């Protein structure tokens, strides 16, 4: 059995940036927030450990300005803590 090596993993693949990145990196494995909740440290670490990509691109972000003002903790989780979880892996 041949296991295909994943060179590039795109987190937040269904957003505007993630969609464009999939075009630029057609060989990449795209994961949406439905597949990996980037605010969940264990999910992020598990996904990256299991997939073992050479490169991880984090395209996930909370970009709704009004939403960020209304939900600052969620905005911080997505835009602040989550990139740290990716960096830990």
N, C-alpha and C. Protein backbone atom coordinates (compact mmCIF):
# COMPACT_ATOMS: atom_id res chain seq x y z
N UNK A 1 0.84 -1.17 0.00
CA UNK A 1 0.00 0.00 0.00
C UNK A 1 0.89 1.25 0.00
N UNK A 2 0.60 2.18 -0.86
CA UNK A 2 1.34 3.43 -0.95
C UNK A 2 0.54 4.51 -0.24
N UNK A 3 1.17 5.16 0.72
CA UNK A 3 0.53 6.25 1.44
C UNK A 3 0.95 7.54 0.77
N UNK A 4 -0.04 8.31 0.33
CA UNK A 4 0.26 9.57 -0.34
C UNK A 4 0.73 10.61 0.68
N UNK A 5 1.83 11.24 0.39
CA UNK A 5 2.38 12.25 1.27
C UNK A 5 1.65 13.58 1.04
N UNK A 6 1.24 14.20 2.13
CA UNK A 6 0.58 15.49 2.04
C UNK A 6 1.65 16.55 2.22
N UNK A 7 1.87 17.31 1.16
CA UNK A 7 2.89 18.35 1.24
C UNK A 7 2.35 19.63 1.85
N UNK A 8 1.11 19.98 1.51
CA UNK A 8 0.54 21.24 1.97
C UNK A 8 -0.86 21.00 2.51
N UNK A 9 -1.12 21.57 3.67
CA UNK A 9 -2.43 21.51 4.31
C UNK A 9 -2.95 22.93 4.39
N UNK A 10 -4.19 23.15 3.97
CA UNK A 10 -4.81 24.46 4.05
C UNK A 10 -5.93 24.40 5.07
N UNK A 11 -5.77 25.14 6.16
CA UNK A 11 -6.82 25.26 7.17
C UNK A 11 -7.67 26.47 6.82
N UNK A 12 -8.97 26.36 7.04
CA UNK A 12 -9.87 27.46 6.65
C UNK A 12 -10.06 27.50 5.15
N UNK A 13 -10.09 26.34 4.54
CA UNK A 13 -10.08 26.23 3.08
C UNK A 13 -11.34 26.72 2.39
N UNK A 14 -12.44 26.86 3.10
CA UNK A 14 -13.68 27.28 2.45
C UNK A 14 -13.90 28.78 2.45
N UNK A 15 -13.02 29.53 3.08
CA UNK A 15 -13.14 30.99 3.08
C UNK A 15 -12.62 31.57 1.77
N UNK A 16 -12.66 32.90 1.69
CA UNK A 16 -12.21 33.57 0.46
C UNK A 16 -10.74 33.29 0.17
N UNK A 17 -9.89 33.48 1.17
CA UNK A 17 -8.47 33.23 0.98
C UNK A 17 -8.20 31.75 0.75
N UNK A 18 -8.83 30.89 1.53
CA UNK A 18 -8.64 29.45 1.39
C UNK A 18 -9.03 28.93 0.02
N UNK A 19 -10.10 29.47 -0.52
CA UNK A 19 -10.55 29.07 -1.86
C UNK A 19 -9.51 29.45 -2.91
N UNK A 20 -8.97 30.65 -2.80
CA UNK A 20 -7.93 31.07 -3.75
C UNK A 20 -6.64 30.25 -3.57
N UNK A 21 -6.30 29.94 -2.32
CA UNK A 21 -5.12 29.13 -2.07
C UNK A 21 -5.25 27.73 -2.67
N UNK A 22 -6.46 27.19 -2.68
CA UNK A 22 -6.66 25.87 -3.29
C UNK A 22 -6.36 25.91 -4.78
N UNK A 23 -6.64 27.04 -5.41
CA UNK A 23 -6.32 27.18 -6.84
C UNK A 23 -4.81 27.27 -7.04
N UNK A 24 -4.13 27.95 -6.12
CA UNK A 24 -2.68 28.11 -6.23
C UNK A 24 -1.94 26.83 -5.85
N UNK A 25 -2.54 26.04 -4.97
CA UNK A 25 -1.94 24.78 -4.50
C UNK A 25 -2.94 23.63 -4.71
N UNK A 26 -3.15 23.24 -5.96
CA UNK A 26 -4.16 22.21 -6.24
C UNK A 26 -3.86 20.85 -5.60
N UNK A 27 -2.60 20.61 -5.25
CA UNK A 27 -2.23 19.34 -4.63
C UNK A 27 -2.47 19.35 -3.12
N UNK A 28 -2.80 20.50 -2.57
CA UNK A 28 -2.96 20.65 -1.12
C UNK A 28 -4.21 19.94 -0.63
N UNK A 29 -4.17 19.57 0.65
CA UNK A 29 -5.35 19.01 1.30
C UNK A 29 -6.09 20.17 1.97
N UNK A 30 -7.31 20.45 1.53
CA UNK A 30 -8.08 21.52 2.13
C UNK A 30 -8.93 21.01 3.29
N UNK A 31 -8.91 21.74 4.40
CA UNK A 31 -9.77 21.41 5.53
C UNK A 31 -10.56 22.66 5.92
N UNK A 32 -11.87 22.50 6.01
CA UNK A 32 -12.73 23.61 6.41
C UNK A 32 -12.92 23.60 7.92
N UNK A 33 -13.60 24.61 8.43
CA UNK A 33 -13.87 24.66 9.87
C UNK A 33 -14.81 23.55 10.32
N UNK A 34 -15.53 22.95 9.37
CA UNK A 34 -16.38 21.82 9.70
C UNK A 34 -15.56 20.56 9.97
N UNK A 35 -14.38 20.50 9.38
CA UNK A 35 -13.51 19.33 9.54
C UNK A 35 -12.52 19.49 10.69
N UNK A 36 -12.02 20.70 10.89
CA UNK A 36 -11.12 20.99 12.00
C UNK A 36 -11.50 22.35 12.57
N UNK A 37 -11.89 22.35 13.83
CA UNK A 37 -12.19 23.60 14.52
C UNK A 37 -10.87 24.16 15.03
N UNK A 38 -10.38 25.19 14.37
CA UNK A 38 -9.05 25.70 14.74
C UNK A 38 -9.01 26.33 16.12
N UNK A 39 -10.17 26.57 16.73
CA UNK A 39 -10.18 27.09 18.10
C UNK A 39 -10.05 25.97 19.12
N UNK A 40 -10.05 24.73 18.65
CA UNK A 40 -9.91 23.57 19.52
C UNK A 40 -8.47 23.05 19.38
N UNK A 41 -7.66 23.35 20.37
CA UNK A 41 -6.23 23.00 20.32
C UNK A 41 -6.02 21.51 20.02
N UNK A 42 -6.76 20.65 20.68
CA UNK A 42 -6.59 19.21 20.49
C UNK A 42 -6.91 18.79 19.05
N UNK A 43 -7.95 19.36 18.47
CA UNK A 43 -8.29 19.03 17.08
C UNK A 43 -7.19 19.45 16.12
N UNK A 44 -6.66 20.64 16.32
CA UNK A 44 -5.60 21.14 15.45
C UNK A 44 -4.36 20.26 15.55
N UNK A 45 -3.93 19.99 16.76
CA UNK A 45 -2.73 19.18 16.96
C UNK A 45 -2.92 17.77 16.42
N UNK A 46 -4.10 17.19 16.65
CA UNK A 46 -4.37 15.83 16.16
C UNK A 46 -4.36 15.78 14.64
N UNK A 47 -5.02 16.73 13.99
CA UNK A 47 -5.08 16.73 12.53
C UNK A 47 -3.69 16.84 11.91
N UNK A 48 -2.89 17.75 12.44
CA UNK A 48 -1.56 17.94 11.87
C UNK A 48 -0.66 16.74 12.17
N UNK A 49 -0.79 16.18 13.36
CA UNK A 49 0.00 14.99 13.71
C UNK A 49 -0.37 13.81 12.81
N UNK A 50 -1.65 13.62 12.56
CA UNK A 50 -2.10 12.49 11.74
C UNK A 50 -1.76 12.67 10.27
N UNK A 51 -1.93 13.88 9.75
CA UNK A 51 -1.71 14.11 8.33
C UNK A 51 -0.24 14.32 7.97
N UNK A 52 0.54 14.81 8.94
CA UNK A 52 1.98 15.03 8.75
C UNK A 52 2.32 15.84 7.49
N UNK A 53 1.69 17.00 7.30
CA UNK A 53 2.02 17.79 6.12
C UNK A 53 3.39 18.44 6.27
N UNK A 54 4.03 18.71 5.15
CA UNK A 54 5.30 19.42 5.18
C UNK A 54 5.08 20.90 5.46
N UNK A 55 3.94 21.43 5.00
CA UNK A 55 3.62 22.85 5.15
C UNK A 55 2.15 23.00 5.56
N UNK A 56 1.91 23.90 6.48
CA UNK A 56 0.53 24.22 6.88
C UNK A 56 0.28 25.69 6.59
N UNK A 57 -0.78 25.95 5.86
CA UNK A 57 -1.20 27.33 5.59
C UNK A 57 -2.49 27.56 6.36
N UNK A 58 -2.46 28.53 7.26
CA UNK A 58 -3.66 28.87 8.03
C UNK A 58 -4.37 30.03 7.35
N UNK A 59 -5.45 29.74 6.66
CA UNK A 59 -6.24 30.76 5.99
C UNK A 59 -7.49 31.10 6.78
N UNK A 60 -7.62 30.51 7.95
CA UNK A 60 -8.81 30.74 8.77
C UNK A 60 -8.69 32.07 9.50
N UNK A 61 -9.79 32.81 9.54
CA UNK A 61 -9.81 34.08 10.26
C UNK A 61 -11.25 34.50 10.50
N UNK A 62 -11.43 35.25 11.55
CA UNK A 62 -12.73 35.88 11.82
C UNK A 62 -12.59 37.30 11.32
N UNK A 63 -13.21 37.61 10.18
CA UNK A 63 -12.99 38.89 9.52
C UNK A 63 -14.18 39.84 9.60
N UNK A 64 -15.28 39.40 10.14
CA UNK A 64 -16.47 40.25 10.26
C UNK A 64 -16.21 41.28 11.37
N UNK A 65 -15.98 42.53 11.00
CA UNK A 65 -15.60 43.55 11.98
C UNK A 65 -16.67 43.73 13.04
N UNK A 66 -17.93 43.82 12.64
CA UNK A 66 -19.01 43.97 13.62
C UNK A 66 -19.09 42.74 14.51
N UNK A 67 -18.93 41.56 13.91
CA UNK A 67 -18.95 40.32 14.69
C UNK A 67 -17.81 40.27 15.70
N UNK A 68 -16.64 40.74 15.28
CA UNK A 68 -15.49 40.77 16.19
C UNK A 68 -15.75 41.70 17.37
N UNK A 69 -16.42 42.83 17.11
CA UNK A 69 -16.75 43.75 18.20
C UNK A 69 -17.79 43.15 19.13
N UNK A 70 -18.74 42.40 18.57
CA UNK A 70 -19.79 41.78 19.37
C UNK A 70 -19.30 40.54 20.10
N UNK A 71 -18.34 39.84 19.53
CA UNK A 71 -17.83 38.59 20.10
C UNK A 71 -16.30 38.64 20.18
N UNK A 72 -15.76 39.52 21.02
CA UNK A 72 -14.30 39.67 21.05
C UNK A 72 -13.56 38.41 21.48
N UNK A 73 -14.14 37.62 22.36
CA UNK A 73 -13.46 36.39 22.80
C UNK A 73 -13.34 35.39 21.65
N UNK A 74 -14.41 35.25 20.87
CA UNK A 74 -14.36 34.36 19.71
C UNK A 74 -13.35 34.89 18.69
N UNK A 75 -13.36 36.19 18.46
CA UNK A 75 -12.41 36.78 17.52
C UNK A 75 -10.98 36.50 17.98
N UNK A 76 -10.73 36.63 19.29
CA UNK A 76 -9.39 36.36 19.82
C UNK A 76 -9.03 34.87 19.69
N UNK A 77 -10.01 34.01 19.92
CA UNK A 77 -9.76 32.57 19.77
C UNK A 77 -9.35 32.24 18.35
N UNK A 78 -10.09 32.76 17.37
CA UNK A 78 -9.83 32.44 15.96
C UNK A 78 -8.57 33.13 15.45
N UNK A 79 -8.45 34.42 15.74
CA UNK A 79 -7.37 35.21 15.15
C UNK A 79 -6.10 35.28 16.01
N UNK A 80 -6.22 34.91 17.29
CA UNK A 80 -5.07 34.99 18.19
C UNK A 80 -4.57 33.64 18.66
N UNK A 81 -5.43 32.92 19.35
CA UNK A 81 -5.00 31.62 19.92
C UNK A 81 -4.79 30.55 18.85
N UNK A 82 -5.71 30.44 17.91
CA UNK A 82 -5.65 29.37 16.92
C UNK A 82 -4.34 29.34 16.13
N UNK A 83 -3.82 30.48 15.65
CA UNK A 83 -2.53 30.41 14.96
C UNK A 83 -1.41 29.88 15.88
N UNK A 84 -1.55 30.12 17.17
CA UNK A 84 -0.58 29.55 18.12
C UNK A 84 -0.67 28.05 18.18
N UNK A 85 -1.88 27.51 18.09
CA UNK A 85 -2.05 26.05 18.08
C UNK A 85 -1.38 25.45 16.84
N UNK A 86 -1.53 26.13 15.71
CA UNK A 86 -0.90 25.65 14.48
C UNK A 86 0.63 25.68 14.65
N UNK A 87 1.12 26.75 15.25
CA UNK A 87 2.57 26.89 15.44
C UNK A 87 3.11 25.82 16.38
N UNK A 88 2.31 25.39 17.36
CA UNK A 88 2.77 24.36 18.30
C UNK A 88 3.00 23.01 17.63
N UNK A 89 2.29 22.79 16.56
CA UNK A 89 2.40 21.48 15.91
C UNK A 89 3.65 21.46 15.09
